[in-house]
Every structure is written in structure tokens, then in C-alpha cells.
Amino acid sequence: MKVSVEELSGCKRALTVEVPPDAVRPTVEGVYRKLSQRVALPGFRRGRVPRGILEHRFKDEIREEILQEVIPSTYRQALEESQLAPVGLPTVEEVSFQLGEPLRYRAVVEVKPLLEITDYQGVTVSRKKVEATDQEVEDHLKALQEQAAEYVPMEGWPAFREDRVIVDAQGFFHGKPVKDLQVENFPLELGAGQLLPGVDERLAGVQKGEVRDVPVSFPPDDPRKDLRGKEILFRFTVKEIKKKKVPPLDDTFAKAVGECETLVELRDKIRQELLNKKEREEEQRLKWEVVEKIAAAHPFDVPEGMVRREMEGILHEFSRTVGARPERLEGDVSFRLKVEESARKRVKHTLILEAVVRQEGIAVDPEEVEAEVERLASVTGQTPDELKAHLDREGRMEALGASLVERKALNFLFARAKVLDNHDLITLP
């Protein structure tokens, strides 16, 4: 088999492969045998149809089956011979094949650019001053109040915003109950937007024991296809009304939520925690700024396949966070361009860090991986063995090791960076 490699760009290669007839022949014979066994033609027993007739009647099908078997296997062999490591599937083109002749094709693949970076130690960055404001402390206190709030049953009171209403609900379409639109003892907090728009407003003022009908229009892009664009009448039966009771900000509250003797101590504790969090975030920002400066000093093309996969990951994570489907987000051109820009930057950063790892010989040992598994297990509430088994099942242990290597490379760069405090850098000509 002949293999040649053409460099099309910094991260794109073209493999030209020629497979001799002798190497294709076993596949050709196998395709004919399988075809003769499954084809029944008038005047011939199954498996006895002459090869010439098969070739005449099924020429295109035979050629396609041969290509589907030979190209993948020879492509893998060509990768080994050329020592290429593609980052995605190939684009196969210029396929030339006739029975008895060599099979030729061209496979265009993307590879990671081989970077050799310089001057990556001693990068100068400026640390911003961080502080925890009084307003941020008070906002955090208010959030703690909300978390500690209790809902107390109230008799004889109507329900309004922030009240919790315990309801049974049944959906009706054209007067008939919809089986999958029924709940019992559902805790609905008015004003929280738990259900479709308009429901909270129409339930305002309900009393315990009241039955209220609320028409709801489902959007045309609702995830449930059978409900898209339909108007459903929901019948709510109010079983209980609970009023929110927020604890006062006093020393008793400080002891209960913050293990502090006084409210003053709790405020000081919150301020320090906020400050610590901001300092960690600022350090993380500085680390990536170091990588960004290195990337800016080393312009290079990135594989578009890696960018597309990174975009898919960003869209999936964002859609999971905001509760929107990825295809809806992709329809927003401006949003998609921002996602692509972010994905391209992430890929560049990844390739820069991989270059640092290679040039500095950075690696992780099994003990470091075990320690990370134990750390993640403590966060997720699993045992290390349970988490490890889960990661193994999903094939994510290798990705965990890669993330640790990347983190070490990031820390390596930051440890050797020049960090200026509270300065605006001036770039001299």
C-alpha cells in the first residue's frame, strides 16, 4: 500500500492512499460470496448465480460494499504508517476504483498543530484589587435569611406572591383529562415561575379549599410535541396555604446559621469568606491571562473540528443551566458567534498548555489521580470507589488525568509569572 502525506495548512493534512488489487481481492471475493447467498434470481439456485450476472445486475452495490470495507481499514493503516493523530473524522474524496485495478482515495484530516512556544516564563500580569462591599455582605445575609425561611400554614388567608400553595392539578383538553398532566400535593410558590407564564398571576388570591380553572397556552416549541401550541385548561384544587416566615437578623440568627456569637461576628465572617472567594477568582483570572498572553504571542490556526466540539460542549452546558434547548440557542446568530469565539479561545489555550506540558515534561502520577478522585468524591457525596467506577464506566478517567495535567501546566506558568499588585501596565514602544 502506498501512502503519501500533503500538508495543506498548519492543522490540516491530506493522505493519498493507493491499495493494490491483490490487497483488495479478498474483500472483493467476500462481497461476491455474501451477495450470491442472499440474491435469488429466476433460473438459478441461491448461491449459484454466475458472477458475471451479479456484476452486471449489482455493479454499483458491489462497488459500494467493497469501498465501505476497504477504505476504513486501509485508512487506519495509513494513519499508523504516517504517524498522524487526527482530531476528528476524515473527509474522503477523489475515490477511484474499478474491479481488478488499484483502489485510490484521498482522506483530508485535521491534526493538532505542533507548537514550539518560547518566552512563556516570566509573563507579566497585573492583579486587580478585590474587596467585599457592605452591600455584598448585606445581600449575602439576605440570602441566608431566605434559606432559613419557614413556610407556616395559615388558615383563612388568601395566597399572594411568595406564599406556598399546596395544590392538586389536572389538565384538560377539549373537556377531557390529559393523563400526563396530573399532579398531587404539588408545592407551588407564587411568583417563582415554576409553571408556564400566567399561572402564578391567575392563582393570586386563592383560598384554601378553592377550585380554580386556569387556561394555559403551551408554546409552539415546547419539548412535549403533543402539547405544542395547544391551550390546556388546568383545574387547581388548593389544599393548603403557607406563608413565608423569615427569621430576623439578630444574634440568635447568627448562632443558628453561622456559628457566630453575634450578628457583628457573622458579618465579619461573611466579609472574609467573600474576600477569599474573590481572591481565588482573581488568581484564576490571572492564570488564564498568562495563557492568553502566550497565545497572543504565538499566532496559529486551530482545528475547526476541535472548535465545533468545544462549541457543542458550551451550548450543552449553557442550555442545561438556563433550561433552553441547544438548537434554540444556535438559532441566535449573535449568540452563536460569541460561543464560537469563546470555543476558539478555549481550544487555543488547551493547545498552548499541551505545548507547555510537552516541553517541560509535566505529568501526573497515580497518587495525584487518586487524590483528585477522593476530592471529587467528597464534593459529590460518593465514596472514591463509587466515583471511580462511575468514571470508568463512562470512559472519563483519562479525561480526569488530562485535566490534572492541564492544571499543573497552568500552575507552572503562574508560579513563574511576574504578578504586579494594583498597577496598570504600561507597554513601552
Protein backbone atom coordinates (compact mmCIF):
# COMPACT_ATOMS: atom_id res chain seq x y z
CA MET A 1 0.00 0.00 0.00
CA LYS A 2 1.31 3.42 -0.95
CA VAL A 3 0.71 6.35 1.38
CA SER A 4 1.74 9.97 0.91
CA VAL A 5 1.02 12.96 3.14
CA GLU A 6 0.46 16.51 1.94
CA GLU A 7 0.45 19.44 4.37
CA LEU A 8 -2.50 21.65 3.44
CA SER A 9 -2.19 24.02 6.41
CA GLY A 10 -0.86 24.14 9.97
CA CYS A 11 -3.53 21.73 11.16
CA LYS A 12 -4.80 20.01 8.00
CA ARG A 13 -3.24 17.07 6.15
CA ALA A 14 -4.21 15.11 3.05
CA LEU A 15 -3.48 11.38 2.96
CA THR A 16 -3.31 9.91 -0.53
CA VAL A 17 -3.72 6.14 -0.35
CA GLU A 18 -3.28 3.55 -3.09
CA VAL A 19 -4.29 -0.04 -2.31
CA PRO A 20 -3.03 -2.66 -4.84
CA PRO A 21 -5.54 -5.08 -6.44
CA ASP A 22 -4.08 -8.06 -4.55
CA ALA A 23 -4.89 -6.38 -1.22
CA VAL A 24 -8.46 -5.61 -2.33
CA ARG A 25 -9.13 -9.07 -3.83
CA PRO A 26 -10.05 -10.92 -0.56
CA THR A 27 -12.68 -8.26 0.16
CA VAL A 28 -13.99 -8.47 -3.41
CA GLU A 29 -14.34 -12.26 -3.15
CA GLY A 30 -16.07 -11.97 0.20
CA VAL A 31 -18.57 -9.42 -1.10
CA TYR A 32 -19.44 -11.65 -4.06
CA ARG A 33 -19.92 -14.68 -1.78
CA LYS A 34 -22.25 -12.80 0.56
CA LEU A 35 -24.19 -11.33 -2.36
CA SER A 36 -24.66 -14.69 -4.09
CA GLN A 37 -26.02 -16.19 -0.86
CA ARG A 38 -28.68 -13.55 -0.39
CA VAL A 39 -29.72 -13.00 -4.05
CA ALA A 40 -32.33 -15.21 -5.69
CA LEU A 41 -32.78 -14.83 -9.47
CA PRO A 42 -35.16 -16.77 -11.73
CA GLY A 43 -33.49 -19.85 -13.15
CA PHE A 44 -30.71 -20.01 -10.57
CA ARG A 45 -30.46 -21.59 -7.15
CA ARG A 46 -29.40 -19.37 -4.28
CA GLY A 47 -25.59 -19.25 -4.19
CA ARG A 48 -25.32 -20.44 -7.82
CA VAL A 49 -25.84 -17.16 -9.67
CA PRO A 50 -22.91 -16.66 -12.10
CA ARG A 51 -20.51 -13.92 -11.10
CA GLY A 52 -20.89 -12.12 -14.43
CA ILE A 53 -24.65 -11.76 -13.88
CA LEU A 54 -24.10 -10.50 -10.33
CA GLU A 55 -21.60 -7.95 -11.56
CA HIS A 56 -23.97 -6.78 -14.30
CA ARG A 57 -27.04 -6.54 -12.07
CA PHE A 58 -25.44 -5.24 -8.88
CA LYS A 59 -22.31 -3.40 -10.04
CA ASP A 60 -22.90 -0.23 -8.01
CA GLU A 61 -23.93 -2.10 -4.86
CA ILE A 62 -20.86 -4.35 -5.08
CA ARG A 63 -18.53 -1.38 -5.51
CA GLU A 64 -20.10 0.44 -2.54
CA GLU A 65 -19.76 -2.57 -0.23
CA ILE A 66 -16.11 -3.03 -1.21
CA LEU A 67 -15.35 0.62 -0.52
CA GLN A 68 -17.15 0.52 2.84
CA GLU A 69 -14.94 -2.38 3.94
CA VAL A 70 -11.60 -1.45 2.42
CA ILE A 71 -11.40 2.30 3.00
CA PRO A 72 -11.82 2.28 6.83
CA SER A 73 -9.28 -0.49 7.38
CA THR A 74 -6.68 0.95 4.99
CA TYR A 75 -7.26 4.43 6.39
CA ARG A 76 -6.36 3.20 9.89
CA GLN A 77 -3.27 1.50 8.46
CA ALA A 78 -2.31 4.69 6.61
CA LEU A 79 -2.57 6.68 9.87
CA GLU A 80 -0.18 4.25 11.56
CA GLU A 81 2.31 4.41 8.70
CA SER A 82 2.20 8.21 8.50
CA GLN A 83 2.11 8.63 12.32
CA LEU A 84 -0.75 11.09 12.11
CA ALA A 85 -3.17 11.60 15.02
CA PRO A 86 -6.36 13.16 13.63
CA VAL A 87 -8.66 15.12 15.94
CA GLY A 88 -11.79 14.11 14.04
CA LEU A 89 -13.23 12.02 11.24
CA PRO A 90 -11.69 12.29 7.75
CA THR A 91 -13.24 13.74 4.63
CA VAL A 92 -12.79 11.05 1.98
CA GLU A 93 -12.66 12.33 -1.59
CA GLU A 94 -11.33 11.51 -5.06
CA VAL A 95 -12.20 7.83 -4.74
CA SER A 96 -11.10 5.85 -7.80
CA PHE A 97 -11.78 2.12 -8.06
CA GLN A 98 -12.62 -0.45 -10.71
CA LEU A 99 -12.55 -4.22 -10.28
CA GLY A 100 -9.07 -5.53 -10.95
CA GLU A 101 -7.49 -2.10 -10.53
CA PRO A 102 -5.87 -0.36 -7.54
CA LEU A 103 -8.14 1.50 -5.12
CA ARG A 104 -7.12 5.13 -4.72
CA TYR A 105 -8.57 7.79 -2.46
CA ARG A 106 -7.68 10.98 -0.63
CA ALA A 107 -8.52 11.49 3.04
CA VAL A 108 -8.33 15.02 4.43
CA VAL A 109 -7.86 15.13 8.19
CA GLU A 110 -7.30 17.73 10.87
CA VAL A 111 -4.42 17.39 13.33
CA LYS A 112 -3.25 19.45 16.25
CA PRO A 113 -0.57 21.95 15.25
CA LEU A 114 2.84 21.05 16.62
CA LEU A 115 3.64 24.14 18.67
CA GLU A 116 7.02 25.15 19.96
CA ILE A 117 6.41 28.09 22.25
CA THR A 118 9.01 30.45 23.68
CA ASP A 119 9.20 33.13 26.36
CA TYR A 120 6.44 31.54 28.39
CA GLN A 121 8.18 32.04 31.72
CA GLY A 122 8.11 35.45 33.35
CA VAL A 123 4.90 36.71 31.69
CA THR A 124 3.80 39.94 33.37
CA VAL A 125 0.22 40.33 34.62
CA SER A 126 -1.46 42.84 36.94
CA ARG A 127 -3.52 41.79 39.95
CA LYS A 128 -6.70 43.78 40.49
CA LYS A 129 -7.63 44.92 43.97
CA VAL A 130 -10.54 42.94 45.36
CA GLU A 131 -12.86 43.88 48.20
CA ALA A 132 -16.14 42.81 49.75
CA THR A 133 -18.53 45.75 49.92
CA ASP A 134 -21.12 46.38 52.63
CA GLN A 135 -23.87 45.83 50.07
CA GLU A 136 -22.48 42.43 49.12
CA VAL A 137 -22.36 41.43 52.78
CA GLU A 138 -25.98 42.51 53.27
CA ASP A 139 -27.05 40.69 50.10
CA HIS A 140 -25.42 37.53 51.40
CA LEU A 141 -27.13 37.95 54.74
CA LYS A 142 -30.46 38.32 52.98
CA ALA A 143 -29.79 35.13 51.02
CA LEU A 144 -29.08 33.32 54.30
CA GLN A 145 -32.37 34.68 55.63
CA GLU A 146 -34.22 33.31 52.61
CA GLN A 147 -32.58 29.91 53.04
CA ALA A 148 -33.62 29.83 56.70
CA ALA A 149 -37.19 30.91 55.95
CA GLU A 150 -40.01 28.63 57.04
CA TYR A 151 -43.44 28.19 55.49
CA VAL A 152 -46.15 28.25 58.15
CA PRO A 153 -49.72 27.01 57.43
CA MET A 154 -52.22 29.88 57.59
CA GLU A 155 -55.97 29.42 57.87
CA GLY A 156 -58.35 31.97 56.40
CA TRP A 157 -55.75 33.91 54.44
CA PRO A 158 -55.59 34.29 50.63
CA ALA A 159 -52.41 33.35 48.82
CA PHE A 160 -50.21 36.01 47.23
CA ARG A 161 -46.65 36.41 45.95
CA GLU A 162 -44.02 34.35 47.86
CA ASP A 163 -46.74 32.24 49.51
CA ARG A 164 -46.52 28.49 49.07
CA VAL A 165 -49.68 26.82 47.81
CA ILE A 166 -50.11 23.05 48.02
CA VAL A 167 -52.29 22.01 45.08
CA ASP A 168 -53.67 19.11 43.12
CA ALA A 169 -53.82 19.89 39.41
CA GLN A 170 -55.37 18.24 36.37
CA GLY A 171 -55.04 19.35 32.75
CA PHE A 172 -57.96 19.15 30.31
CA PHE A 173 -58.00 19.39 26.52
CA HIS A 174 -61.40 19.87 24.89
CA GLY A 175 -63.00 18.89 28.19
CA LYS A 176 -61.14 15.59 28.50
CA PRO A 177 -58.45 14.99 31.15
CA VAL A 178 -54.89 14.62 29.87
CA LYS A 179 -53.28 11.63 31.52
CA ASP A 180 -49.74 13.01 31.81
CA LEU A 181 -50.87 16.42 33.11
CA GLN A 182 -51.83 15.48 36.65
CA VAL A 183 -50.06 16.14 39.95
CA GLU A 184 -50.99 15.79 43.60
CA ASN A 185 -49.72 17.75 46.61
CA PHE A 186 -47.57 19.96 44.39
CA PRO A 187 -45.82 22.78 46.33
CA LEU A 188 -46.24 25.90 44.17
CA GLU A 189 -44.51 29.11 45.24
CA LEU A 190 -46.41 32.02 43.76
CA GLY A 191 -44.19 34.41 41.83
CA ALA A 192 -41.35 31.91 41.38
CA GLY A 193 -42.33 31.00 37.83
CA GLN A 194 -42.34 27.26 38.43
CA LEU A 195 -45.06 26.71 35.83
CA LEU A 196 -45.89 28.29 32.48
CA PRO A 197 -46.37 32.08 32.29
CA GLY A 198 -49.69 33.36 33.60
CA VAL A 199 -50.35 30.60 36.12
CA ASP A 200 -48.99 32.44 39.18
CA GLU A 201 -50.95 35.61 38.39
CA ARG A 202 -54.24 33.72 37.90
CA LEU A 203 -53.82 31.86 41.20
CA ALA A 204 -53.21 35.02 43.20
CA GLY A 205 -55.82 35.44 45.93
CA VAL A 206 -56.94 31.79 46.11
CA GLN A 207 -58.20 30.43 49.42
CA LYS A 208 -57.72 27.01 50.97
CA GLY A 209 -60.28 24.58 49.56
CA GLU A 210 -60.91 26.69 46.45
CA VAL A 211 -61.00 25.16 42.97
CA ARG A 212 -59.80 27.47 40.20
CA ASP A 213 -59.55 26.85 36.45
CA VAL A 214 -56.57 28.38 34.63
CA PRO A 215 -56.21 28.23 30.82
CA VAL A 216 -52.57 27.77 29.74
CA SER A 217 -51.19 28.14 26.22
CA PHE A 218 -48.22 25.89 25.52
CA PRO A 219 -45.52 27.45 23.30
CA PRO A 220 -45.04 26.15 19.74
CA ASP A 221 -41.54 24.90 20.62
CA ASP A 222 -42.47 23.09 23.83
CA PRO A 223 -40.32 19.97 24.42
CA ARG A 224 -43.52 17.87 24.53
CA LYS A 225 -44.51 17.70 20.88
CA ASP A 226 -48.09 16.63 21.61
CA LEU A 227 -48.69 19.85 23.59
CA ARG A 228 -47.09 22.39 21.23
CA GLY A 229 -49.37 25.34 20.52
CA LYS A 230 -52.30 23.84 22.45
CA GLU A 231 -54.41 25.57 25.08
CA ILE A 232 -54.87 23.37 28.12
CA LEU A 233 -57.30 24.11 30.94
CA PHE A 234 -55.73 23.33 34.31
CA ARG A 235 -58.01 22.78 37.29
CA PHE A 236 -56.21 23.60 40.55
CA THR A 237 -57.55 22.41 43.89
CA VAL A 238 -55.97 24.36 46.76
CA LYS A 239 -55.26 22.03 49.68
CA GLU A 240 -53.15 24.29 51.88
CA ILE A 241 -51.69 27.79 52.00
CA LYS A 242 -48.39 28.52 53.74
CA LYS A 243 -46.99 31.97 54.48
CA LYS A 244 -43.25 32.62 54.39
CA LYS A 245 -41.73 33.41 57.79
CA VAL A 246 -38.26 34.97 57.54
CA PRO A 247 -36.15 34.96 60.74
CA PRO A 248 -34.99 38.38 61.99
CA LEU A 249 -31.35 39.44 61.68
CA ASP A 250 -30.13 39.17 65.24
CA ASP A 251 -27.60 37.31 67.38
CA THR A 252 -29.86 34.25 67.55
CA PHE A 253 -29.87 34.11 63.75
CA ALA A 254 -26.06 34.47 63.71
CA LYS A 255 -25.68 31.49 66.04
CA ALA A 256 -28.09 29.36 64.02
CA VAL A 257 -26.69 29.91 60.53
CA GLY A 258 -23.07 30.95 61.04
CA GLU A 259 -21.98 29.51 64.39
CA CYS A 260 -21.17 33.07 65.50
CA GLU A 261 -21.93 34.65 68.85
CA THR A 262 -23.17 37.92 67.44
CA LEU A 263 -24.51 39.38 64.21
CA VAL A 264 -21.40 41.56 64.01
CA GLU A 265 -19.22 38.44 64.01
CA LEU A 266 -21.40 36.90 61.31
CA ARG A 267 -21.00 39.98 59.11
CA ASP A 268 -17.22 39.86 59.59
CA LYS A 269 -17.18 36.15 58.74
CA ILE A 270 -19.24 36.70 55.59
CA ARG A 271 -16.99 39.58 54.52
CA GLN A 272 -13.88 37.41 54.88
CA GLU A 273 -15.46 34.50 53.00
CA LEU A 274 -16.49 36.80 50.16
CA LEU A 275 -13.00 38.29 50.07
CA ASN A 276 -11.38 34.84 49.98
CA LYS A 277 -13.68 33.79 47.14
CA LYS A 278 -12.87 36.92 45.12
CA GLU A 279 -9.15 36.43 45.67
CA ARG A 280 -9.38 32.86 44.38
CA GLU A 281 -11.33 34.07 41.36
CA GLU A 282 -8.80 36.81 40.69
CA GLU A 283 -5.93 34.33 40.88
CA GLN A 284 -7.73 32.06 38.42
CA ARG A 285 -8.30 35.02 36.09
CA LEU A 286 -4.59 35.87 36.25
CA LYS A 287 -3.62 32.31 35.41
CA TRP A 288 -5.68 32.34 32.23
CA GLU A 289 -4.43 35.83 31.40
CA VAL A 290 -0.91 34.40 31.37
CA VAL A 291 -2.04 31.74 28.88
CA GLU A 292 -3.88 34.35 26.82
CA LYS A 293 -0.74 36.49 26.55
CA ILE A 294 1.31 33.48 25.47
CA ALA A 295 -1.34 32.60 22.86
CA ALA A 296 -1.33 36.19 21.55
CA ALA A 297 2.44 35.98 21.09
CA HIS A 298 2.16 32.71 19.15
CA PRO A 299 -0.46 33.05 16.38
CA PHE A 300 -1.55 29.69 14.97
CA ASP A 301 -4.53 28.02 13.31
CA VAL A 302 -6.69 25.66 15.34
CA PRO A 303 -8.53 22.56 14.07
CA GLU A 304 -12.11 23.52 13.26
CA GLY A 305 -13.29 20.11 14.46
CA MET A 306 -11.98 20.88 17.95
CA VAL A 307 -13.72 24.26 17.87
CA ARG A 308 -17.02 22.63 16.86
CA ARG A 309 -16.81 20.09 19.68
CA GLU A 310 -15.98 22.82 22.18
CA MET A 311 -18.97 24.83 20.93
CA GLU A 312 -21.21 21.82 21.43
CA GLY A 313 -19.96 21.49 25.00
CA ILE A 314 -20.55 25.19 25.74
CA LEU A 315 -24.05 25.11 24.21
CA HIS A 316 -24.95 21.94 26.12
CA GLU A 317 -23.76 23.37 29.43
CA PHE A 318 -25.47 26.71 28.84
CA SER A 319 -28.74 25.07 27.79
CA ARG A 320 -28.65 22.86 30.90
CA THR A 321 -28.10 25.94 33.07
CA VAL A 322 -30.82 28.15 31.56
CA GLY A 323 -33.22 25.35 30.62
CA ALA A 324 -33.24 26.06 26.88
CA ARG A 325 -32.69 23.54 24.12
CA PRO A 326 -29.32 23.82 22.27
CA GLU A 327 -30.99 24.14 18.85
CA ARG A 328 -32.88 27.23 20.03
CA LEU A 329 -29.64 28.82 21.21
CA GLU A 330 -27.92 28.01 17.91
CA GLY A 331 -30.60 29.96 16.07
CA ASP A 332 -29.40 33.21 17.64
CA VAL A 333 -26.63 34.29 15.23
CA SER A 334 -25.10 36.85 17.60
CA PHE A 335 -25.07 34.35 20.47
CA ARG A 336 -23.56 31.65 18.26
CA LEU A 337 -20.74 33.96 17.16
CA LYS A 338 -19.91 34.68 20.80
CA VAL A 339 -19.93 30.96 21.59
CA GLU A 340 -17.63 30.29 18.63
CA GLU A 341 -15.23 33.00 19.77
CA SER A 342 -15.17 31.54 23.28
CA ALA A 343 -14.69 28.00 21.94
CA ARG A 344 -11.84 29.05 19.67
CA LYS A 345 -10.12 30.77 22.59
CA ARG A 346 -10.52 27.68 24.79
CA VAL A 347 -9.02 25.44 22.11
CA LYS A 348 -6.04 27.78 21.70
CA HIS A 349 -5.48 27.79 25.45
CA THR A 350 -5.66 23.99 25.54
CA LEU A 351 -3.07 23.66 22.77
CA ILE A 352 -0.77 26.19 24.47
CA LEU A 353 -0.92 24.22 27.73
CA GLU A 354 -0.32 20.95 25.89
CA ALA A 355 2.81 22.51 24.40
CA VAL A 356 4.00 23.53 27.88
CA VAL A 357 3.31 20.00 29.13
CA ARG A 358 5.37 18.52 26.28
CA GLN A 359 8.26 20.98 26.51
CA GLU A 360 8.52 20.84 30.30
CA GLY A 361 7.82 17.12 30.68
CA ILE A 362 4.90 17.73 33.04
CA ALA A 363 2.98 14.63 34.13
CA VAL A 364 0.74 13.33 36.90
CA ASP A 365 1.35 10.20 38.89
CA PRO A 366 -1.30 7.67 40.05
CA GLU A 367 -1.26 9.11 43.57
CA GLU A 368 -2.30 12.53 42.25
CA VAL A 369 -5.16 10.98 40.30
CA GLU A 370 -6.31 9.06 43.39
CA ALA A 371 -6.20 12.26 45.46
CA GLU A 372 -8.33 14.07 42.87
CA VAL A 373 -10.86 11.22 42.85
CA GLU A 374 -11.08 11.43 46.64
CA ARG A 375 -11.57 15.21 46.47
CA LEU A 376 -14.33 14.96 43.87
CA ALA A 377 -15.98 12.12 45.78
CA SER A 378 -16.18 14.25 48.93
CA VAL A 379 -17.87 17.02 46.90
CA THR A 380 -20.41 14.71 45.24
CA GLY A 381 -21.18 12.69 48.36
CA GLN A 382 -19.86 9.43 46.91
CA THR A 383 -17.16 7.08 48.05
CA PRO A 384 -13.94 7.18 46.00
CA ASP A 385 -14.60 3.65 44.73
CA GLU A 386 -18.12 4.57 43.60
CA LEU A 387 -16.91 7.66 41.75
CA LYS A 388 -14.02 5.80 40.15
CA ALA A 389 -16.35 3.04 38.95
CA HIS A 390 -18.68 5.68 37.51
CA LEU A 391 -15.82 7.43 35.69
CA ASP A 392 -14.53 4.10 34.37
CA ARG A 393 -17.98 3.18 33.01
CA GLU A 394 -18.24 6.48 31.17
CA GLY A 395 -14.64 6.37 29.95
CA ARG A 396 -13.78 9.61 31.75
CA MET A 397 -10.75 8.57 33.81
CA GLU A 398 -8.42 9.57 31.00
CA ALA A 399 -10.11 12.97 30.78
CA LEU A 400 -9.65 13.39 34.54
CA GLY A 401 -5.93 12.75 34.18
CA ALA A 402 -5.74 15.22 31.27
CA SER A 403 -7.45 17.92 33.33
CA LEU A 404 -4.94 17.37 36.14
CA VAL A 405 -2.03 17.72 33.72
CA GLU A 406 -3.55 20.93 32.34
CA ARG A 407 -3.97 22.28 35.87
CA LYS A 408 -0.34 21.53 36.66
CA ALA A 409 0.78 23.31 33.49
CA LEU A 410 -1.38 26.31 34.40
CA ASN A 411 0.10 26.44 37.90
CA PHE A 412 3.59 26.03 36.43
CA LEU A 413 3.14 29.12 34.26
CA PHE A 414 1.58 31.18 37.03
CA ALA A 415 4.30 30.29 39.52
CA ARG A 416 6.85 31.75 37.10
CA ALA A 417 4.82 34.79 36.07
CA LYS A 418 5.54 38.35 37.23
CA VAL A 419 2.46 39.44 39.15
CA LEU A 420 2.18 43.17 39.85
CA ASP A 421 -0.24 44.35 42.52
CA ASN A 422 -2.59 47.25 41.85
CA HIS A 423 -0.71 48.52 38.81
CA ASP A 424 -1.88 49.43 35.35
CA LEU A 425 0.72 48.07 32.98
CA ILE A 426 2.25 50.50 30.50
CA THR A 427 3.50 48.94 27.29
CA LEU A 428 6.65 50.71 26.12
CA PRO A 429 7.42 51.03 22.39
